[in-house]
Amino acid sequence: MTMRCGAILWVCVVAACAAAPGAAQVPKREAAYAALAQLPDWSGWWGLDAPPADEFRGQPAPIKPGLVGAPASAAERQRYACRPPTFTGYNGGFQEAVELLFTPGRVTLTNEQGLVRRIYTDGRVAPADAEPTNTGISIGHWEGQMLIVETTHINPRARYPLPQLRMPPIGVNARVTERIFLKDPNTLQIDVVVVAPGALTEPDRRTRFFRRLPKTMPTEFTHCTEYDRSIEPDSGEERFDLTPPPDLPPPPPR
C-alpha cells in the first residue's frame, strides 16, 4: 500500500512539473529559434561600392525648391558630426559596414557608426501616439524570402537625404518603405521609397546593392571631431591652413 501511494505521488509530481508554465515555454522558445532556419542567409557584413554622395549626384532627391541651404561652417560641421545617427532611408554601408541579425520576432540592423534599428516582425503595429525617434519605429513582415519594412515616427529634424546641415529636415509624417532580399547569394538588394510631405515634391525611389564583405569583425568608428587635435575645440575651426597651393597639379582622370 505504501509503495502504491508513493508511485501515485510521483506521477502527480511529474504531471505538475509538466504543466508548469516554464516547461511549456522551453519547447515554444526552441521552436521560435528553429523557425529562423527558414529565413534567408543574410549573415556577415555588407557594404556598398560607391559613396552615397555619388548616388545622389546621379539621381538627385526631389527636394522642394529653396530648402537646400548654404554649405555649413567648420564649427557647424563639427557639432553636427557629433550627433547620434539618424535613419531617413539610408542604412550606411560605404565607409561603415552593415549587419543584420535575426532573432524570433525581430530583425536588428546595425552598422559600424552606431546606427541600431529594431525591425519588429512579430505582428505588432506601431502605436499612433508614439514619440518620434532618431531611427523611427520599424514594422516588418516576410513575404517569402523578402522582408518588407515600414518605418514611421521618424525624427522630423533628421536631415534628408544625408545627415548634412545644408540638407533640409525630413519633416513630419515621413515614411520609409524598404523591400530587402537577396539578388544573389552575395548581393543584398534594398529597394527604398521615402515619402516626406514636408521636404519632397514626390516619393523618392531608390535601389541599393550591398555586397557581402569578407570581414568577420566590426571596426567601430565615428566622424565626431571632439578629440581631433586638428580642430580648435572652442570654435570648431581647423587649426591648419587647408588652402591648396596655387601650383597643385590637377587630379588624375578617374
C-alpha atoms as a PDB file:
ATOM      1  CA  MET A   1       0.000   0.000   0.000  1.00  0.00           C
ATOM      2  CA  THR A   2       2.832   2.368   0.869  1.00  0.00           C
ATOM      3  CA  MET A   3       4.631   1.703  -2.420  1.00  0.00           C
ATOM      4  CA  ARG A   4       1.410   2.249  -4.364  1.00  0.00           C
ATOM      5  CA  CYS A   5       0.805   5.623  -2.698  1.00  0.00           C
ATOM      6  CA  GLY A   6       4.384   6.633  -3.379  1.00  0.00           C
ATOM      7  CA  ALA A   7       4.029   5.777  -7.055  1.00  0.00           C
ATOM      8  CA  ILE A   8       0.826   7.790  -7.313  1.00  0.00           C
ATOM      9  CA  LEU A   9       2.510  10.752  -5.593  1.00  0.00           C
ATOM     10  CA  TRP A  10       5.453  10.566  -8.035  1.00  0.00           C
ATOM     11  CA  VAL A  11       3.117  10.567 -11.028  1.00  0.00           C
ATOM     12  CA  CYS A  12       1.323  13.626  -9.636  1.00  0.00           C
ATOM     13  CA  VAL A  13       4.603  15.499  -9.141  1.00  0.00           C
ATOM     14  CA  VAL A  14       5.765  14.751 -12.702  1.00  0.00           C
ATOM     15  CA  ALA A  15       2.413  15.831 -14.103  1.00  0.00           C
ATOM     16  CA  ALA A  16       2.506  19.068 -12.125  1.00  0.00           C
ATOM     17  CA  CYS A  17       6.011  19.877 -13.385  1.00  0.00           C
ATOM     18  CA  ALA A  18       4.994  19.203 -16.970  1.00  0.00           C
ATOM     19  CA  ALA A  19       2.020  21.530 -16.580  1.00  0.00           C
ATOM     20  CA  ALA A  20       4.149  24.339 -15.122  1.00  0.00           C
ATOM     21  CA  PRO A  21       4.436  27.464 -17.349  1.00  0.00           C
ATOM     22  CA  GLY A  22       8.222  27.190 -17.617  1.00  0.00           C
ATOM     23  CA  ALA A  23       8.084  23.702 -19.058  1.00  0.00           C
ATOM     24  CA  ALA A  24       5.725  24.804 -21.821  1.00  0.00           C
ATOM     25  CA  GLN A  25       7.836  27.847 -22.649  1.00  0.00           C
ATOM     26  CA  VAL A  26      11.010  25.888 -23.381  1.00  0.00           C
ATOM     27  CA  PRO A  27       9.639  23.992 -26.449  1.00  0.00           C
ATOM     28  CA  LYS A  28       7.951  27.183 -27.651  1.00  0.00           C
ATOM     29  CA  ARG A  29      11.224  29.132 -27.459  1.00  0.00           C
ATOM     30  CA  GLU A  30      13.117  26.328 -29.170  1.00  0.00           C
ATOM     31  CA  ALA A  31      10.535  26.234 -31.960  1.00  0.00           C
ATOM     32  CA  ALA A  32      10.810  30.015 -32.426  1.00  0.00           C
ATOM     33  CA  TYR A  33      14.581  29.817 -32.870  1.00  0.00           C
ATOM     34  CA  ALA A  34      14.311  26.737 -35.084  1.00  0.00           C
ATOM     35  CA  ALA A  35      11.997  28.694 -37.400  1.00  0.00           C
ATOM     36  CA  LEU A  36      14.854  31.136 -38.109  1.00  0.00           C
ATOM     37  CA  ALA A  37      16.476  28.427 -40.239  1.00  0.00           C
ATOM     38  CA  GLN A  38      13.728  29.005 -42.820  1.00  0.00           C
ATOM     39  CA  LEU A  39      14.816  32.629 -43.326  1.00  0.00           C
ATOM     40  CA  PRO A  40      17.373  33.678 -45.969  1.00  0.00           C
ATOM     41  CA  ASP A  41      21.098  33.800 -45.186  1.00  0.00           C
ATOM     42  CA  TRP A  42      21.928  37.457 -44.538  1.00  0.00           C
ATOM     43  CA  SER A  43      24.780  36.658 -42.175  1.00  0.00           C
ATOM     44  CA  GLY A  44      28.009  38.617 -42.094  1.00  0.00           C
ATOM     45  CA  TRP A  45      28.740  42.217 -43.052  1.00  0.00           C
ATOM     46  CA  TRP A  46      27.533  44.110 -46.106  1.00  0.00           C
ATOM     47  CA  GLY A  47      28.890  47.165 -47.903  1.00  0.00           C
ATOM     48  CA  LEU A  48      28.367  49.491 -50.845  1.00  0.00           C
ATOM     49  CA  ASP A  49      30.944  50.082 -53.585  1.00  0.00           C
ATOM     50  CA  ALA A  50      30.209  53.783 -54.132  1.00  0.00           C
ATOM     51  CA  PRO A  51      29.771  56.701 -51.705  1.00  0.00           C
ATOM     52  CA  PRO A  52      26.187  57.879 -51.168  1.00  0.00           C
ATOM     53  CA  ALA A  53      27.084  61.337 -52.484  1.00  0.00           C
ATOM     54  CA  ASP A  54      27.730  59.786 -55.909  1.00  0.00           C
ATOM     55  CA  GLU A  55      24.297  58.167 -55.857  1.00  0.00           C
ATOM     56  CA  PHE A  56      22.536  61.418 -55.037  1.00  0.00           C
ATOM     57  CA  ARG A  57      24.511  63.328 -57.660  1.00  0.00           C
ATOM     58  CA  GLY A  58      23.456  60.819 -60.300  1.00  0.00           C
ATOM     59  CA  GLN A  59      19.891  60.620 -59.009  1.00  0.00           C
ATOM     60  CA  PRO A  60      19.042  63.839 -57.149  1.00  0.00           C
ATOM     61  CA  ALA A  61      16.377  63.683 -54.486  1.00  0.00           C
ATOM     62  CA  PRO A  62      13.130  65.519 -55.387  1.00  0.00           C
ATOM     63  CA  ILE A  63      13.625  68.141 -52.681  1.00  0.00           C
ATOM     64  CA  LYS A  64      11.249  71.085 -52.683  1.00  0.00           C
ATOM     65  CA  PRO A  65      12.783  74.244 -54.174  1.00  0.00           C
ATOM     66  CA  GLY A  66      14.560  76.542 -51.762  1.00  0.00           C
ATOM     67  CA  LEU A  67      15.088  74.008 -48.987  1.00  0.00           C
ATOM     68  CA  VAL A  68      18.761  73.212 -49.626  1.00  0.00           C
ATOM     69  CA  GLY A  69      20.895  75.637 -47.647  1.00  0.00           C
ATOM     70  CA  ALA A  70      24.403  77.021 -47.993  1.00  0.00           C
ATOM     71  CA  PRO A  71      27.421  74.919 -47.008  1.00  0.00           C
ATOM     72  CA  ALA A  72      27.949  74.823 -43.245  1.00  0.00           C
ATOM     73  CA  SER A  73      30.913  76.321 -41.436  1.00  0.00           C
ATOM     74  CA  ALA A  74      33.615  74.151 -39.860  1.00  0.00           C
ATOM     75  CA  ALA A  75      32.164  74.762 -36.396  1.00  0.00           C
ATOM     76  CA  GLU A  76      28.678  73.735 -37.526  1.00  0.00           C
ATOM     77  CA  ARG A  77      30.038  70.629 -39.235  1.00  0.00           C
ATOM     78  CA  GLN A  78      31.893  69.584 -36.100  1.00  0.00           C
ATOM     79  CA  ARG A  79      28.855  69.972 -33.860  1.00  0.00           C
ATOM     80  CA  TYR A  80      26.602  68.107 -36.269  1.00  0.00           C
ATOM     81  CA  ALA A  81      29.104  65.273 -36.795  1.00  0.00           C
ATOM     82  CA  CYS A  82      28.922  64.546 -33.064  1.00  0.00           C
ATOM     83  CA  ARG A  83      25.169  63.962 -33.096  1.00  0.00           C
ATOM     84  CA  PRO A  84      23.736  60.431 -32.886  1.00  0.00           C
ATOM     85  CA  PRO A  85      22.974  58.631 -36.164  1.00  0.00           C
ATOM     86  CA  THR A  86      19.533  59.024 -37.700  1.00  0.00           C
ATOM     87  CA  PHE A  87      17.583  56.936 -40.218  1.00  0.00           C
ATOM     88  CA  THR A  88      15.778  58.519 -43.149  1.00  0.00           C
ATOM     89  CA  GLY A  89      16.144  55.646 -45.628  1.00  0.00           C
ATOM     90  CA  TYR A  90      19.920  55.171 -45.781  1.00  0.00           C
ATOM     91  CA  ASN A  91      21.437  52.432 -43.597  1.00  0.00           C
ATOM     92  CA  GLY A  92      25.081  53.212 -44.330  1.00  0.00           C
ATOM     93  CA  GLY A  93      27.345  50.706 -45.987  1.00  0.00           C
ATOM     94  CA  PHE A  94      30.072  52.672 -47.781  1.00  0.00           C
ATOM     95  CA  GLN A  95      32.536  53.564 -45.032  1.00  0.00           C
ATOM     96  CA  GLU A  96      30.640  51.693 -42.340  1.00  0.00           C
ATOM     97  CA  ALA A  97      29.672  48.062 -42.938  1.00  0.00           C
ATOM     98  CA  VAL A  98      26.089  46.943 -42.218  1.00  0.00           C
ATOM     99  CA  GLU A  99      24.965  43.846 -40.298  1.00  0.00           C
ATOM    100  CA  LEU A 100      21.500  42.249 -39.979  1.00  0.00           C
ATOM    101  CA  LEU A 101      20.749  39.949 -37.050  1.00  0.00           C
ATOM    102  CA  PHE A 102      17.772  37.573 -36.821  1.00  0.00           C
ATOM    103  CA  THR A 103      16.003  36.762 -33.553  1.00  0.00           C
ATOM    104  CA  PRO A 104      12.430  35.496 -33.098  1.00  0.00           C
ATOM    105  CA  GLY A 105      10.017  38.303 -33.975  1.00  0.00           C
ATOM    106  CA  ARG A 106      12.735  40.826 -34.828  1.00  0.00           C
ATOM    107  CA  VAL A 107      15.461  41.766 -37.288  1.00  0.00           C
ATOM    108  CA  THR A 108      18.119  44.102 -35.899  1.00  0.00           C
ATOM    109  CA  LEU A 109      20.064  46.233 -38.363  1.00  0.00           C
ATOM    110  CA  THR A 110      23.248  47.902 -37.196  1.00  0.00           C
ATOM    111  CA  ASN A 111      26.327  49.482 -38.736  1.00  0.00           C
ATOM    112  CA  GLU A 112      29.831  50.360 -37.608  1.00  0.00           C
ATOM    113  CA  GLN A 113      28.971  54.004 -36.888  1.00  0.00           C
ATOM    114  CA  GLY A 114      26.441  53.064 -34.216  1.00  0.00           C
ATOM    115  CA  LEU A 115      23.122  53.042 -36.101  1.00  0.00           C
ATOM    116  CA  VAL A 116      20.771  50.490 -34.490  1.00  0.00           C
ATOM    117  CA  ARG A 117      17.350  49.715 -35.986  1.00  0.00           C
ATOM    118  CA  ARG A 118      14.923  47.238 -34.435  1.00  0.00           C
ATOM    119  CA  ILE A 119      12.577  45.877 -37.111  1.00  0.00           C
ATOM    120  CA  TYR A 120       9.675  44.080 -35.415  1.00  0.00           C
ATOM    121  CA  THR A 121       8.267  41.071 -37.298  1.00  0.00           C
ATOM    122  CA  ASP A 122       6.029  39.698 -34.513  1.00  0.00           C
ATOM    123  CA  GLY A 123       2.786  41.158 -35.848  1.00  0.00           C
ATOM    124  CA  ARG A 124       2.647  44.279 -33.700  1.00  0.00           C
ATOM    125  CA  VAL A 125       1.571  47.653 -35.067  1.00  0.00           C
ATOM    126  CA  ALA A 126       3.212  50.990 -34.423  1.00  0.00           C
ATOM    127  CA  PRO A 127       1.371  52.954 -31.701  1.00  0.00           C
ATOM    128  CA  ALA A 128      -0.233  56.035 -33.159  1.00  0.00           C
ATOM    129  CA  ASP A 129       0.814  58.269 -30.260  1.00  0.00           C
ATOM    130  CA  ALA A 130       4.482  57.202 -30.113  1.00  0.00           C
ATOM    131  CA  GLU A 131       7.139  59.900 -29.921  1.00  0.00           C
ATOM    132  CA  PRO A 132       9.438  60.340 -32.948  1.00  0.00           C
ATOM    133  CA  THR A 133      12.943  58.915 -32.569  1.00  0.00           C
ATOM    134  CA  ASN A 134      16.225  59.079 -34.487  1.00  0.00           C
ATOM    135  CA  THR A 135      15.544  55.691 -36.094  1.00  0.00           C
ATOM    136  CA  GLY A 136      11.740  55.740 -36.063  1.00  0.00           C
ATOM    137  CA  ILE A 137       9.534  52.700 -35.472  1.00  0.00           C
ATOM    138  CA  SER A 138      10.098  49.897 -37.991  1.00  0.00           C
ATOM    139  CA  ILE A 139       7.443  47.222 -38.525  1.00  0.00           C
ATOM    140  CA  GLY A 140       8.302  44.375 -40.889  1.00  0.00           C
ATOM    141  CA  HIS A 141       6.810  41.222 -42.335  1.00  0.00           C
ATOM    142  CA  TRP A 142       8.119  38.447 -44.529  1.00  0.00           C
ATOM    143  CA  GLU A 143       6.756  37.693 -47.979  1.00  0.00           C
ATOM    144  CA  GLY A 144       8.635  34.536 -48.842  1.00  0.00           C
ATOM    145  CA  GLN A 145      12.336  35.434 -48.708  1.00  0.00           C
ATOM    146  CA  MET A 146      11.703  39.205 -48.877  1.00  0.00           C
ATOM    147  CA  LEU A 147      11.477  41.429 -45.807  1.00  0.00           C
ATOM    148  CA  ILE A 148       9.136  44.415 -46.219  1.00  0.00           C
ATOM    149  CA  VAL A 149       9.616  47.191 -43.673  1.00  0.00           C
ATOM    150  CA  GLU A 150       7.539  50.316 -42.954  1.00  0.00           C
ATOM    151  CA  THR A 151       9.261  52.936 -40.799  1.00  0.00           C
ATOM    152  CA  THR A 152       7.297  55.817 -39.290  1.00  0.00           C
ATOM    153  CA  HIS A 153       7.673  58.196 -36.315  1.00  0.00           C
ATOM    154  CA  ILE A 154      10.978  59.475 -37.710  1.00  0.00           C
ATOM    155  CA  ASN A 155      12.615  62.468 -36.029  1.00  0.00           C
ATOM    156  CA  PRO A 156      11.282  65.392 -38.144  1.00  0.00           C
ATOM    157  CA  ARG A 157      14.576  67.263 -37.623  1.00  0.00           C
ATOM    158  CA  ALA A 158      16.634  64.451 -39.217  1.00  0.00           C
ATOM    159  CA  ARG A 159      18.241  65.664 -42.436  1.00  0.00           C
ATOM    160  CA  TYR A 160      17.371  64.253 -45.855  1.00  0.00           C
ATOM    161  CA  PRO A 161      18.752  62.672 -47.951  1.00  0.00           C
ATOM    162  CA  LEU A 162      22.015  62.677 -45.979  1.00  0.00           C
ATOM    163  CA  PRO A 163      22.893  63.891 -42.453  1.00  0.00           C
ATOM    164  CA  GLN A 164      24.397  67.178 -43.615  1.00  0.00           C
ATOM    165  CA  LEU A 165      23.487  70.604 -42.300  1.00  0.00           C
ATOM    166  CA  ARG A 166      22.751  72.070 -45.722  1.00  0.00           C
ATOM    167  CA  MET A 167      20.175  69.320 -46.330  1.00  0.00           C
ATOM    168  CA  PRO A 168      16.558  70.049 -45.234  1.00  0.00           C
ATOM    169  CA  PRO A 169      14.858  68.361 -42.274  1.00  0.00           C
ATOM    170  CA  ILE A 170      12.726  65.438 -43.400  1.00  0.00           C
ATOM    171  CA  GLY A 171       9.688  66.948 -41.641  1.00  0.00           C
ATOM    172  CA  VAL A 172       6.633  65.407 -40.023  1.00  0.00           C
ATOM    173  CA  ASN A 173       4.676  62.378 -41.303  1.00  0.00           C
ATOM    174  CA  ALA A 174       7.674  60.943 -43.158  1.00  0.00           C
ATOM    175  CA  ARG A 175       7.501  57.253 -44.056  1.00  0.00           C
ATOM    176  CA  VAL A 176      10.177  54.908 -45.388  1.00  0.00           C
ATOM    177  CA  THR A 177       9.302  51.613 -47.114  1.00  0.00           C
ATOM    178  CA  GLU A 178      12.040  49.041 -47.728  1.00  0.00           C
ATOM    179  CA  ARG A 179      11.990  45.778 -49.648  1.00  0.00           C
ATOM    180  CA  ILE A 180      15.045  43.730 -48.706  1.00  0.00           C
ATOM    181  CA  PHE A 181      16.033  40.489 -50.428  1.00  0.00           C
ATOM    182  CA  LEU A 182      18.981  38.551 -51.854  1.00  0.00           C
ATOM    183  CA  LYS A 183      19.549  39.318 -55.531  1.00  0.00           C
ATOM    184  CA  ASP A 184      22.126  36.529 -55.484  1.00  0.00           C
ATOM    185  CA  PRO A 185      23.947  34.741 -52.634  1.00  0.00           C
ATOM    186  CA  ASN A 186      26.412  37.622 -52.169  1.00  0.00           C
ATOM    187  CA  THR A 187      24.271  40.621 -53.157  1.00  0.00           C
ATOM    188  CA  LEU A 188      21.622  42.113 -50.892  1.00  0.00           C
ATOM    189  CA  GLN A 189      19.178  44.410 -52.674  1.00  0.00           C
ATOM    190  CA  ILE A 190      17.253  47.107 -50.810  1.00  0.00           C
ATOM    191  CA  ASP A 191      14.529  48.982 -52.684  1.00  0.00           C
ATOM    192  CA  VAL A 192      13.648  52.148 -50.775  1.00  0.00           C
ATOM    193  CA  VAL A 193      10.711  54.536 -51.128  1.00  0.00           C
ATOM    194  CA  VAL A 194      10.725  57.693 -48.988  1.00  0.00           C
ATOM    195  CA  VAL A 195       7.575  59.783 -48.600  1.00  0.00           C
ATOM    196  CA  ALA A 196       8.203  63.124 -46.882  1.00  0.00           C
ATOM    197  CA  PRO A 197       5.459  65.718 -47.498  1.00  0.00           C
ATOM    198  CA  GLY A 198       7.449  68.474 -45.816  1.00  0.00           C
ATOM    199  CA  ALA A 199      10.651  68.034 -47.806  1.00  0.00           C
ATOM    200  CA  LEU A 200       9.912  66.245 -51.089  1.00  0.00           C
ATOM    201  CA  THR A 201       7.781  67.070 -54.102  1.00  0.00           C
ATOM    202  CA  GLU A 202       7.155  63.346 -54.728  1.00  0.00           C
ATOM    203  CA  PRO A 203       8.198  59.967 -53.300  1.00  0.00           C
ATOM    204  CA  ASP A 204      11.937  59.324 -53.626  1.00  0.00           C
ATOM    205  CA  ARG A 205      12.568  55.802 -55.020  1.00  0.00           C
ATOM    206  CA  ARG A 206      15.998  54.173 -54.853  1.00  0.00           C
ATOM    207  CA  THR A 207      17.642  50.781 -55.254  1.00  0.00           C
ATOM    208  CA  ARG A 208      20.888  49.895 -53.468  1.00  0.00           C
ATOM    209  CA  PHE A 209      23.025  46.790 -53.875  1.00  0.00           C
ATOM    210  CA  PHE A 210      25.084  45.688 -50.876  1.00  0.00           C
ATOM    211  CA  ARG A 211      27.809  43.108 -51.423  1.00  0.00           C
ATOM    212  CA  ARG A 212      28.811  40.563 -48.799  1.00  0.00           C
ATOM    213  CA  LEU A 213      32.146  41.516 -47.242  1.00  0.00           C
ATOM    214  CA  PRO A 214      34.869  39.084 -46.158  1.00  0.00           C
ATOM    215  CA  LYS A 215      35.313  40.743 -42.768  1.00  0.00           C
ATOM    216  CA  THR A 216      34.178  38.856 -39.681  1.00  0.00           C
ATOM    217  CA  MET A 217      34.611  41.545 -37.004  1.00  0.00           C
ATOM    218  CA  PRO A 218      33.303  45.129 -36.900  1.00  0.00           C
ATOM    219  CA  THR A 219      35.507  48.216 -36.928  1.00  0.00           C
ATOM    220  CA  GLU A 220      33.603  50.825 -34.939  1.00  0.00           C
ATOM    221  CA  PHE A 221      34.339  54.457 -35.685  1.00  0.00           C
ATOM    222  CA  THR A 222      32.780  57.904 -35.614  1.00  0.00           C
ATOM    223  CA  HIS A 223      33.104  61.160 -37.516  1.00  0.00           C
ATOM    224  CA  CYS A 224      32.883  63.104 -34.251  1.00  0.00           C
ATOM    225  CA  THR A 225      35.817  65.509 -34.017  1.00  0.00           C
ATOM    226  CA  GLU A 226      35.519  66.349 -30.334  1.00  0.00           C
ATOM    227  CA  TYR A 227      39.004  64.975 -29.620  1.00  0.00           C
ATOM    228  CA  ASP A 228      40.577  65.713 -33.003  1.00  0.00           C
ATOM    229  CA  ARG A 229      43.709  67.832 -32.377  1.00  0.00           C
ATOM    230  CA  SER A 230      43.418  69.426 -35.830  1.00  0.00           C
ATOM    231  CA  ILE A 231      40.172  71.122 -34.670  1.00  0.00           C
ATOM    232  CA  GLU A 232      40.041  74.005 -32.222  1.00  0.00           C
ATOM    233  CA  PRO A 233      37.595  72.660 -29.580  1.00  0.00           C
ATOM    234  CA  ASP A 234      36.128  76.053 -28.641  1.00  0.00           C
ATOM    235  CA  SER A 235      35.476  77.432 -32.114  1.00  0.00           C
ATOM    236  CA  GLY A 236      35.344  74.233 -34.138  1.00  0.00           C
ATOM    237  CA  GLU A 237      37.670  75.773 -36.718  1.00  0.00           C
ATOM    238  CA  GLU A 238      40.529  73.968 -38.445  1.00  0.00           C
ATOM    239  CA  ARG A 239      43.924  74.644 -36.872  1.00  0.00           C
ATOM    240  CA  PHE A 240      45.694  74.132 -40.209  1.00  0.00           C
ATOM    241  CA  ASP A 241      45.528  76.112 -43.421  1.00  0.00           C
ATOM    242  CA  LEU A 242      43.761  73.811 -45.885  1.00  0.00           C
ATOM    243  CA  THR A 243      44.089  76.171 -48.850  1.00  0.00           C
ATOM    244  CA  PRO A 244      45.552  74.184 -51.788  1.00  0.00           C
ATOM    245  CA  PRO A 245      48.844  75.563 -53.163  1.00  0.00           C
ATOM    246  CA  PRO A 246      48.473  77.501 -56.441  1.00  0.00           C
ATOM    247  CA  ASP A 247      50.768  75.099 -58.317  1.00  0.00           C
ATOM    248  CA  LEU A 248      48.910  71.955 -57.270  1.00  0.00           C
ATOM    249  CA  PRO A 249      48.510  69.710 -60.342  1.00  0.00           C
ATOM    250  CA  PRO A 250      45.015  68.590 -61.325  1.00  0.00           C
ATOM    251  CA  PRO A 251      43.808  65.210 -60.046  1.00  0.00           C
ATOM    252  CA  PRO A 252      44.385  62.216 -62.307  1.00  0.00           C
ATOM    253  CA  PRO A 253      41.447  61.173 -64.505  1.00  0.00           C
ATOM    254  CA  ARG A 254      39.099  58.598 -62.999  1.00  0.00           C
END
